[in-house]
């Protein structure tokens, strides 16, 4: 079921739009969070932007969502991905 939700909003390996429904949106955020964790636990802002751009073009909006929904913790200019664990 989650795979179907993810696939519905992806094109050529990137999300092209965010779901309107909160439940589906959270599944997308979780997918991106897992993508980030494959690379590192801590990121500088430029590093994080590059990793997010691999799966979603509007990295600034996605970075804000990930912080707002507690998937990432922002401490000065360092982002930690262990927030959702």
Protein backbone atom coordinates (compact mmCIF):
# COMPACT_ATOMS: atom_id res chain seq x y z
CA UNK A 1 0.00 0.00 0.00
CA UNK A 2 2.76 2.48 0.91
CA UNK A 3 4.62 1.57 -2.29
CA UNK A 4 1.51 2.39 -4.32
CA UNK A 5 1.21 5.78 -2.64
CA UNK A 6 4.86 6.56 -3.28
CA UNK A 7 4.68 5.43 -6.91
CA UNK A 8 1.60 7.55 -7.53
CA UNK A 9 3.52 10.75 -6.81
CA UNK A 10 6.85 9.87 -8.44
CA UNK A 11 8.02 10.29 -11.98
CA UNK A 12 11.51 9.33 -13.15
CA UNK A 13 12.61 8.63 -9.57
CA UNK A 14 11.53 12.02 -8.17
CA UNK A 15 8.41 13.29 -6.51
CA UNK A 16 6.73 15.74 -8.86
CA UNK A 17 3.91 16.75 -6.50
CA UNK A 18 3.07 16.33 -2.84
CA UNK A 19 -0.12 14.54 -1.86
CA UNK A 20 -3.00 16.59 -0.49
CA UNK A 21 -4.04 13.97 2.06
CA UNK A 22 -2.06 14.15 5.28
CA UNK A 23 -1.68 10.35 5.54
CA UNK A 24 -0.13 10.14 2.07
CA UNK A 25 2.03 13.19 2.70
CA UNK A 26 3.48 11.55 5.80
CA UNK A 27 4.35 8.46 3.74
CA UNK A 28 6.25 10.66 1.30
CA UNK A 29 8.08 12.39 4.15
CA UNK A 30 9.00 9.00 5.63
CA UNK A 31 10.32 7.85 2.25
CA UNK A 32 12.51 10.95 1.91
CA UNK A 33 13.68 10.60 5.51
CA UNK A 34 14.76 7.01 4.82
CA UNK A 35 16.53 8.19 1.66
CA UNK A 36 18.48 10.70 3.74
CA UNK A 37 19.42 8.14 6.39
CA UNK A 38 21.04 5.96 3.73
CA UNK A 39 23.65 8.71 3.29
CA UNK A 40 24.32 10.16 6.75
CA UNK A 41 22.91 11.06 10.14
CA UNK A 42 24.09 14.69 10.03
CA UNK A 43 24.10 17.14 7.15
CA UNK A 44 25.17 20.70 6.56
CA UNK A 45 22.47 22.71 4.84
CA UNK A 46 24.11 22.47 1.38
CA UNK A 47 24.59 18.70 1.79
CA UNK A 48 20.98 18.26 2.85
CA UNK A 49 19.75 20.35 -0.09
CA UNK A 50 21.66 18.16 -2.55
CA UNK A 51 20.29 14.94 -1.03
CA UNK A 52 16.72 16.22 -1.06
CA UNK A 53 17.08 17.39 -4.68
CA UNK A 54 17.78 13.78 -5.62
CA UNK A 55 14.12 12.99 -4.89
CA UNK A 56 12.26 16.35 -4.83
CA UNK A 57 13.13 19.49 -6.78
CA UNK A 58 11.86 22.06 -4.25
CA UNK A 59 14.42 21.21 -1.59
CA UNK A 60 13.72 24.28 0.55
CA UNK A 61 10.04 23.42 0.99
CA UNK A 62 10.82 19.77 1.69
CA UNK A 63 13.56 20.69 4.17
CA UNK A 64 11.04 22.87 6.04
CA UNK A 65 8.45 20.06 6.09
CA UNK A 66 11.01 17.59 7.41
CA UNK A 67 11.92 19.97 10.25
CA UNK A 68 8.30 20.95 10.98
CA UNK A 69 7.19 17.31 11.12
CA UNK A 70 10.17 16.40 13.34
CA UNK A 71 11.97 14.14 10.86
CA UNK A 72 14.99 16.43 11.17
CA UNK A 73 16.39 18.58 13.94
CA UNK A 74 18.00 21.87 12.97
CA UNK A 75 20.82 23.05 15.20
CA UNK A 76 22.36 26.21 13.75
CA UNK A 77 23.29 25.05 10.24
CA UNK A 78 23.55 21.36 11.04
CA UNK A 79 20.62 19.02 10.43
CA UNK A 80 20.35 15.71 12.29
CA UNK A 81 18.19 12.91 10.92
CA UNK A 82 17.74 10.95 14.14
CA UNK A 83 14.70 13.00 15.20
CA UNK A 84 12.10 10.52 13.96
CA UNK A 85 13.77 7.44 15.45
